Amino acid sequence: MRPVVPVSGRDPKTRLSPVLSPAERREFTEAMLADVVAALGSAGYSPEVVSTGPVECDAPVTVDDRGLDALVNDLLSAGPLAVVMADLPLLTAEAVDRLFAPDADVVLAPGLGGGTNAVVCRHPDFRVDYHGASIRDHRRIARTVGASLAEVDSRVLATDVDEPADLAEVLLHGDGAAADWLVDAGFELSFDDDGRVGVARE
């Protein structure tokens, strides 16, 4: 199985712009990528990183400026593939093992907002479509091509980071490079009058 981690290397995580500068968004993206690469490595896999621009990480990097769908579908045409997104800073080796465990043609890890945070594909005709509520689309595509399907219900696989509110999850549950980066950058947990958890910056 060939594990690939796609990442935006040009202008990453624009929805974090309210709290992070462009340079900080790049640094934080590379910190999350480091956590994903480390988790895959701890589980015994040697991931490849495919990026839209240069990034620093402890894995081989291929720069490819095509869109995510075209890039991943081209890789899928070459054989079995695992695609794990780069913005999963809570990922652990145990969660990686769970992702690879099902004996199914297609294994999906849903994201909390309707996305697809990881795919393991062993079916020659399955292709991805990451636009919109992609988890629903990927279920449909698997059925259409006659692929057996399994899903992994995992908090750490479901927790991706796109919005400023998502940073609280990293501070609450993370213990890797992304959590360290946030602490070093002055972020801390905050609580509103209703007791809801958020983040603040010193």
C-alpha atoms as a PDB file:
ATOM      1  CA  MET A   1       0.000   0.000   0.000  1.00  0.00           C
ATOM      2  CA  ARG A   2       1.357   3.401  -1.019  1.00  0.00           C
ATOM      3  CA  PRO A   3       0.554   6.110   1.577  1.00  0.00           C
ATOM      4  CA  VAL A   4       0.361   9.658   0.237  1.00  0.00           C
ATOM      5  CA  VAL A   5      -0.175  12.880   2.170  1.00  0.00           C
ATOM      6  CA  PRO A   6      -1.451  15.809   0.065  1.00  0.00           C
ATOM      7  CA  VAL A   7      -0.738  19.309   1.387  1.00  0.00           C
ATOM      8  CA  SER A   8      -1.103  22.868   0.143  1.00  0.00           C
ATOM      9  CA  GLY A   9       2.325  24.414  -0.139  1.00  0.00           C
ATOM     10  CA  ARG A  10       1.345  27.690  -1.779  1.00  0.00           C
ATOM     11  CA  ASP A  11      -1.166  29.557   0.376  1.00  0.00           C
ATOM     12  CA  PRO A  12      -2.298  27.061   3.008  1.00  0.00           C
ATOM     13  CA  LYS A  13      -5.166  27.274   5.449  1.00  0.00           C
ATOM     14  CA  THR A  14      -6.611  30.601   4.330  1.00  0.00           C
ATOM     15  CA  ARG A  15      -9.549  30.223   6.727  1.00  0.00           C
ATOM     16  CA  LEU A  16      -7.068  30.634   9.581  1.00  0.00           C
ATOM     17  CA  SER A  17      -6.214  34.124   8.298  1.00  0.00           C
ATOM     18  CA  PRO A  18      -8.132  35.862  11.126  1.00  0.00           C
ATOM     19  CA  VAL A  19      -5.629  34.489  13.659  1.00  0.00           C
ATOM     20  CA  LEU A  20      -2.486  33.620  11.685  1.00  0.00           C
ATOM     21  CA  SER A  21      -0.356  35.571   9.213  1.00  0.00           C
ATOM     22  CA  PRO A  22       0.557  33.941   5.876  1.00  0.00           C
ATOM     23  CA  ALA A  23       3.989  32.960   7.219  1.00  0.00           C
ATOM     24  CA  GLU A  24       2.424  31.539  10.381  1.00  0.00           C
ATOM     25  CA  ARG A  25      -0.122  29.578   8.389  1.00  0.00           C
ATOM     26  CA  ARG A  26       2.711  27.970   6.443  1.00  0.00           C
ATOM     27  CA  GLU A  27       4.632  27.128   9.629  1.00  0.00           C
ATOM     28  CA  PHE A  28       1.547  25.685  11.298  1.00  0.00           C
ATOM     29  CA  THR A  29       0.691  23.651   8.194  1.00  0.00           C
ATOM     30  CA  GLU A  30       4.171  22.154   8.221  1.00  0.00           C
ATOM     31  CA  ALA A  31       3.787  21.370  11.936  1.00  0.00           C
ATOM     32  CA  MET A  32       0.520  19.490  11.280  1.00  0.00           C
ATOM     33  CA  LEU A  33       2.161  17.711   8.346  1.00  0.00           C
ATOM     34  CA  ALA A  34       4.993  16.647  10.653  1.00  0.00           C
ATOM     35  CA  ASP A  35       2.453  15.089  13.026  1.00  0.00           C
ATOM     36  CA  VAL A  36       0.794  13.137  10.207  1.00  0.00           C
ATOM     37  CA  VAL A  37       4.106  11.920   8.773  1.00  0.00           C
ATOM     38  CA  ALA A  38       5.258  10.889  12.273  1.00  0.00           C
ATOM     39  CA  ALA A  39       2.047   8.942  12.954  1.00  0.00           C
ATOM     40  CA  LEU A  40       2.301   7.068   9.661  1.00  0.00           C
ATOM     41  CA  GLY A  41       5.965   6.332  10.331  1.00  0.00           C
ATOM     42  CA  SER A  42       5.224   5.066  13.834  1.00  0.00           C
ATOM     43  CA  ALA A  43       2.662   2.697  12.320  1.00  0.00           C
ATOM     44  CA  GLY A  44       5.324   1.274  10.004  1.00  0.00           C
ATOM     45  CA  TYR A  45       4.550   3.178   6.797  1.00  0.00           C
ATOM     46  CA  SER A  46       6.806   5.389   4.690  1.00  0.00           C
ATOM     47  CA  PRO A  47       4.580   8.191   3.412  1.00  0.00           C
ATOM     48  CA  GLU A  48       5.145  10.352   0.384  1.00  0.00           C
ATOM     49  CA  VAL A  49       4.090  13.994   0.478  1.00  0.00           C
ATOM     50  CA  VAL A  50       2.522  15.621  -2.569  1.00  0.00           C
ATOM     51  CA  SER A  51       2.412  19.398  -2.298  1.00  0.00           C
ATOM     52  CA  THR A  52       1.320  22.311  -4.456  1.00  0.00           C
ATOM     53  CA  GLY A  53       4.537  24.089  -3.439  1.00  0.00           C
ATOM     54  CA  PRO A  54       7.761  23.461  -1.527  1.00  0.00           C
ATOM     55  CA  VAL A  55       7.333  22.275   2.078  1.00  0.00           C
ATOM     56  CA  GLU A  56       9.736  21.131   4.770  1.00  0.00           C
ATOM     57  CA  CYS A  57       9.113  17.673   6.231  1.00  0.00           C
ATOM     58  CA  ASP A  58      10.746  14.338   7.039  1.00  0.00           C
ATOM     59  CA  ALA A  59       9.400  12.560   3.964  1.00  0.00           C
ATOM     60  CA  PRO A  60       9.955  12.656   0.211  1.00  0.00           C
ATOM     61  CA  VAL A  61       8.098  15.598  -1.361  1.00  0.00           C
ATOM     62  CA  THR A  62       6.765  15.843  -4.899  1.00  0.00           C
ATOM     63  CA  VAL A  63       5.590  19.283  -5.993  1.00  0.00           C
ATOM     64  CA  ASP A  64       2.481  19.105  -8.175  1.00  0.00           C
ATOM     65  CA  ASP A  65       0.307  22.169  -8.710  1.00  0.00           C
ATOM     66  CA  ARG A  66      -2.757  20.353 -10.055  1.00  0.00           C
ATOM     67  CA  GLY A  67      -5.973  20.298  -8.069  1.00  0.00           C
ATOM     68  CA  LEU A  68      -6.494  17.667  -5.382  1.00  0.00           C
ATOM     69  CA  ASP A  69      -8.948  15.530  -7.381  1.00  0.00           C
ATOM     70  CA  ALA A  70      -6.758  15.346 -10.481  1.00  0.00           C
ATOM     71  CA  LEU A  71      -3.655  14.646  -8.443  1.00  0.00           C
ATOM     72  CA  VAL A  72      -5.143  11.859  -6.318  1.00  0.00           C
ATOM     73  CA  ASN A  73      -7.036  10.252  -9.190  1.00  0.00           C
ATOM     74  CA  ASP A  74      -3.834  10.086 -11.226  1.00  0.00           C
ATOM     75  CA  LEU A  75      -2.135   8.317  -8.319  1.00  0.00           C
ATOM     76  CA  LEU A  76      -5.111   5.955  -7.933  1.00  0.00           C
ATOM     77  CA  SER A  77      -4.760   4.893 -11.554  1.00  0.00           C
ATOM     78  CA  ALA A  78      -1.314   3.499 -10.691  1.00  0.00           C
ATOM     79  CA  GLY A  79      -2.565   1.016  -8.081  1.00  0.00           C
ATOM     80  CA  PRO A  80      -3.636   0.679  -4.437  1.00  0.00           C
ATOM     81  CA  LEU A  81      -3.284   3.911  -2.508  1.00  0.00           C
ATOM     82  CA  ALA A  82      -3.870   5.398   0.919  1.00  0.00           C
ATOM     83  CA  VAL A  83      -4.551   9.129   1.059  1.00  0.00           C
ATOM     84  CA  VAL A  84      -4.242  10.812   4.454  1.00  0.00           C
ATOM     85  CA  MET A  85      -4.799  14.552   4.665  1.00  0.00           C
ATOM     86  CA  ALA A  86      -2.049  16.736   6.127  1.00  0.00           C
ATOM     87  CA  ASP A  87      -4.261  18.662   8.556  1.00  0.00           C
ATOM     88  CA  LEU A  88      -4.884  15.862  11.070  1.00  0.00           C
ATOM     89  CA  PRO A  89      -2.645  16.922  13.971  1.00  0.00           C
ATOM     90  CA  LEU A  90      -4.205  14.454  16.428  1.00  0.00           C
ATOM     91  CA  LEU A  91      -3.374  11.431  14.274  1.00  0.00           C
ATOM     92  CA  THR A  92      -1.790   8.483  16.089  1.00  0.00           C
ATOM     93  CA  ALA A  93      -0.212   5.225  15.015  1.00  0.00           C
ATOM     94  CA  GLU A  94      -3.184   3.402  16.567  1.00  0.00           C
ATOM     95  CA  ALA A  95      -5.608   5.377  14.386  1.00  0.00           C
ATOM     96  CA  VAL A  96      -3.493   4.585  11.320  1.00  0.00           C
ATOM     97  CA  ASP A  97      -3.680   0.881  12.199  1.00  0.00           C
ATOM     98  CA  ARG A  98      -7.475   1.165  12.451  1.00  0.00           C
ATOM     99  CA  LEU A  99      -7.593   2.865   9.040  1.00  0.00           C
ATOM    100  CA  PHE A 100      -5.681   0.051   7.367  1.00  0.00           C
ATOM    101  CA  ALA A 101      -7.347  -2.808   9.267  1.00  0.00           C
ATOM    102  CA  PRO A 102     -10.645  -3.310   7.349  1.00  0.00           C
ATOM    103  CA  ASP A 103     -10.528  -5.858   4.542  1.00  0.00           C
ATOM    104  CA  ALA A 104     -12.541  -3.748   2.114  1.00  0.00           C
ATOM    105  CA  ASP A 105     -11.964  -2.369  -1.362  1.00  0.00           C
ATOM    106  CA  VAL A 106     -12.452   1.169  -0.092  1.00  0.00           C
ATOM    107  CA  VAL A 107     -12.022   2.427   3.471  1.00  0.00           C
ATOM    108  CA  LEU A 108     -13.171   5.949   4.337  1.00  0.00           C
ATOM    109  CA  ALA A 109     -12.450   8.121   7.369  1.00  0.00           C
ATOM    110  CA  PRO A 110     -15.133  10.825   7.548  1.00  0.00           C
ATOM    111  CA  GLY A 111     -14.346  14.348   8.685  1.00  0.00           C
ATOM    112  CA  LEU A 112     -16.614  16.160  11.128  1.00  0.00           C
ATOM    113  CA  GLY A 113     -17.838  18.636   8.512  1.00  0.00           C
ATOM    114  CA  GLY A 114     -18.770  16.144   5.814  1.00  0.00           C
ATOM    115  CA  GLY A 115     -15.348  15.837   4.248  1.00  0.00           C
ATOM    116  CA  THR A 116     -13.167  12.785   3.752  1.00  0.00           C
ATOM    117  CA  ASN A 117      -9.997  12.889   5.831  1.00  0.00           C
ATOM    118  CA  ALA A 118      -8.495   9.586   4.700  1.00  0.00           C
ATOM    119  CA  VAL A 119      -9.104   6.971   2.024  1.00  0.00           C
ATOM    120  CA  VAL A 120      -7.614   3.522   1.577  1.00  0.00           C
ATOM    121  CA  CYS A 121      -8.366   2.262  -1.919  1.00  0.00           C
ATOM    122  CA  ARG A 122      -7.757  -1.214  -3.289  1.00  0.00           C
ATOM    123  CA  HIS A 123     -10.312  -1.024  -6.120  1.00  0.00           C
ATOM    124  CA  PRO A 124      -9.076  -0.146  -9.640  1.00  0.00           C
ATOM    125  CA  ASP A 125     -12.145   1.875 -10.614  1.00  0.00           C
ATOM    126  CA  PHE A 126     -12.660   4.031  -7.517  1.00  0.00           C
ATOM    127  CA  ARG A 127     -11.934   7.736  -7.965  1.00  0.00           C
ATOM    128  CA  VAL A 128     -12.205  10.657  -5.550  1.00  0.00           C
ATOM    129  CA  ASP A 129     -14.292  13.821  -5.614  1.00  0.00           C
ATOM    130  CA  TYR A 130     -13.336  16.081  -2.710  1.00  0.00           C
ATOM    131  CA  HIS A 131     -15.762  18.920  -3.472  1.00  0.00           C
ATOM    132  CA  GLY A 132     -18.698  19.604  -1.147  1.00  0.00           C
ATOM    133  CA  ALA A 133     -19.838  16.844   1.200  1.00  0.00           C
ATOM    134  CA  SER A 134     -17.237  14.456  -0.157  1.00  0.00           C
ATOM    135  CA  ILE A 135     -17.894  11.618   2.272  1.00  0.00           C
ATOM    136  CA  ARG A 136     -21.377  11.220   0.800  1.00  0.00           C
ATOM    137  CA  ASP A 137     -19.977  11.344  -2.726  1.00  0.00           C
ATOM    138  CA  HIS A 138     -17.305   8.774  -1.944  1.00  0.00           C
ATOM    139  CA  ARG A 139     -19.891   6.372  -0.557  1.00  0.00           C
ATOM    140  CA  ARG A 140     -21.872   6.768  -3.768  1.00  0.00           C
ATOM    141  CA  ILE A 141     -18.803   6.319  -5.991  1.00  0.00           C
ATOM    142  CA  ALA A 142     -17.833   3.135  -4.138  1.00  0.00           C
ATOM    143  CA  ARG A 143     -21.327   1.706  -4.648  1.00  0.00           C
ATOM    144  CA  THR A 144     -21.324   2.700  -8.312  1.00  0.00           C
ATOM    145  CA  VAL A 145     -18.074   0.864  -9.095  1.00  0.00           C
ATOM    146  CA  GLY A 146     -19.134  -2.178  -7.043  1.00  0.00           C
ATOM    147  CA  ALA A 147     -16.486  -1.742  -4.363  1.00  0.00           C
ATOM    148  CA  SER A 148     -16.898  -3.148  -0.873  1.00  0.00           C
ATOM    149  CA  LEU A 149     -16.886  -0.292   1.610  1.00  0.00           C
ATOM    150  CA  ALA A 150     -15.865   0.224   5.230  1.00  0.00           C
ATOM    151  CA  GLU A 151     -15.739   3.363   7.362  1.00  0.00           C
ATOM    152  CA  VAL A 152     -13.554   4.139  10.351  1.00  0.00           C
ATOM    153  CA  ASP A 153     -15.235   6.061  13.152  1.00  0.00           C
ATOM    154  CA  SER A 154     -12.280   7.793  14.832  1.00  0.00           C
ATOM    155  CA  ARG A 155     -12.147  11.134  16.616  1.00  0.00           C
ATOM    156  CA  VAL A 156      -8.514  11.725  15.723  1.00  0.00           C
ATOM    157  CA  LEU A 157      -9.100  10.915  12.054  1.00  0.00           C
ATOM    158  CA  ALA A 158     -12.232  13.067  12.000  1.00  0.00           C
ATOM    159  CA  THR A 159     -10.563  16.136  13.528  1.00  0.00           C
ATOM    160  CA  ASP A 160      -9.078  18.288  10.795  1.00  0.00           C
ATOM    161  CA  VAL A 161      -8.100  21.916  11.245  1.00  0.00           C
ATOM    162  CA  ASP A 162      -9.654  24.536   8.972  1.00  0.00           C
ATOM    163  CA  GLU A 163     -11.181  27.235  11.179  1.00  0.00           C
ATOM    164  CA  PRO A 164      -9.826  29.193  14.171  1.00  0.00           C
ATOM    165  CA  ALA A 165     -12.251  27.317  16.450  1.00  0.00           C
ATOM    166  CA  ASP A 166     -10.581  24.049  15.453  1.00  0.00           C
ATOM    167  CA  LEU A 167      -7.374  25.135  17.166  1.00  0.00           C
ATOM    168  CA  ALA A 168      -8.950  24.374  20.549  1.00  0.00           C
ATOM    169  CA  GLU A 169      -9.038  20.674  19.654  1.00  0.00           C
ATOM    170  CA  VAL A 170      -5.290  20.732  19.026  1.00  0.00           C
ATOM    171  CA  LEU A 171      -4.594  22.399  22.377  1.00  0.00           C
ATOM    172  CA  LEU A 172      -6.993  20.079  24.201  1.00  0.00           C
ATOM    173  CA  HIS A 173      -5.906  16.766  22.726  1.00  0.00           C
ATOM    174  CA  GLY A 174      -2.662  17.236  20.797  1.00  0.00           C
ATOM    175  CA  ASP A 175       0.826  16.445  22.015  1.00  0.00           C
ATOM    176  CA  GLY A 176       2.828  16.793  18.820  1.00  0.00           C
ATOM    177  CA  ALA A 177       4.439  19.458  16.675  1.00  0.00           C
ATOM    178  CA  ALA A 178       1.190  21.331  15.932  1.00  0.00           C
ATOM    179  CA  ALA A 179       0.251  21.659  19.599  1.00  0.00           C
ATOM    180  CA  ASP A 180       3.783  22.768  20.457  1.00  0.00           C
ATOM    181  CA  TRP A 181       3.688  25.350  17.671  1.00  0.00           C
ATOM    182  CA  LEU A 182       0.445  26.859  18.957  1.00  0.00           C
ATOM    183  CA  VAL A 183       1.781  27.099  22.509  1.00  0.00           C
ATOM    184  CA  ASP A 184       5.028  28.678  21.310  1.00  0.00           C
ATOM    185  CA  ALA A 185       2.986  31.157  19.245  1.00  0.00           C
ATOM    186  CA  GLY A 186       1.119  32.273  22.380  1.00  0.00           C
ATOM    187  CA  PHE A 187      -2.178  30.441  21.962  1.00  0.00           C
ATOM    188  CA  GLU A 188      -4.032  29.131  24.993  1.00  0.00           C
ATOM    189  CA  LEU A 189      -7.461  27.797  25.803  1.00  0.00           C
ATOM    190  CA  SER A 190     -10.170  30.309  26.673  1.00  0.00           C
ATOM    191  CA  PHE A 191     -13.672  29.921  28.060  1.00  0.00           C
ATOM    192  CA  ASP A 192     -16.713  32.077  27.339  1.00  0.00           C
ATOM    193  CA  ASP A 193     -19.540  32.880  29.752  1.00  0.00           C
ATOM    194  CA  ASP A 194     -21.340  29.671  28.759  1.00  0.00           C
ATOM    195  CA  GLY A 195     -18.254  27.592  29.524  1.00  0.00           C
ATOM    196  CA  ARG A 196     -17.527  26.844  25.867  1.00  0.00           C
ATOM    197  CA  VAL A 197     -13.897  26.273  25.011  1.00  0.00           C
ATOM    198  CA  GLY A 198     -12.071  28.424  22.477  1.00  0.00           C
ATOM    199  CA  VAL A 199      -8.602  29.830  21.982  1.00  0.00           C
ATOM    200  CA  ALA A 200      -6.984  33.156  22.766  1.00  0.00           C
ATOM    201  CA  ARG A 201      -3.572  34.519  21.952  1.00  0.00           C
ATOM    202  CA  GLU A 202      -1.344  36.238  24.459  1.00  0.00           C
END
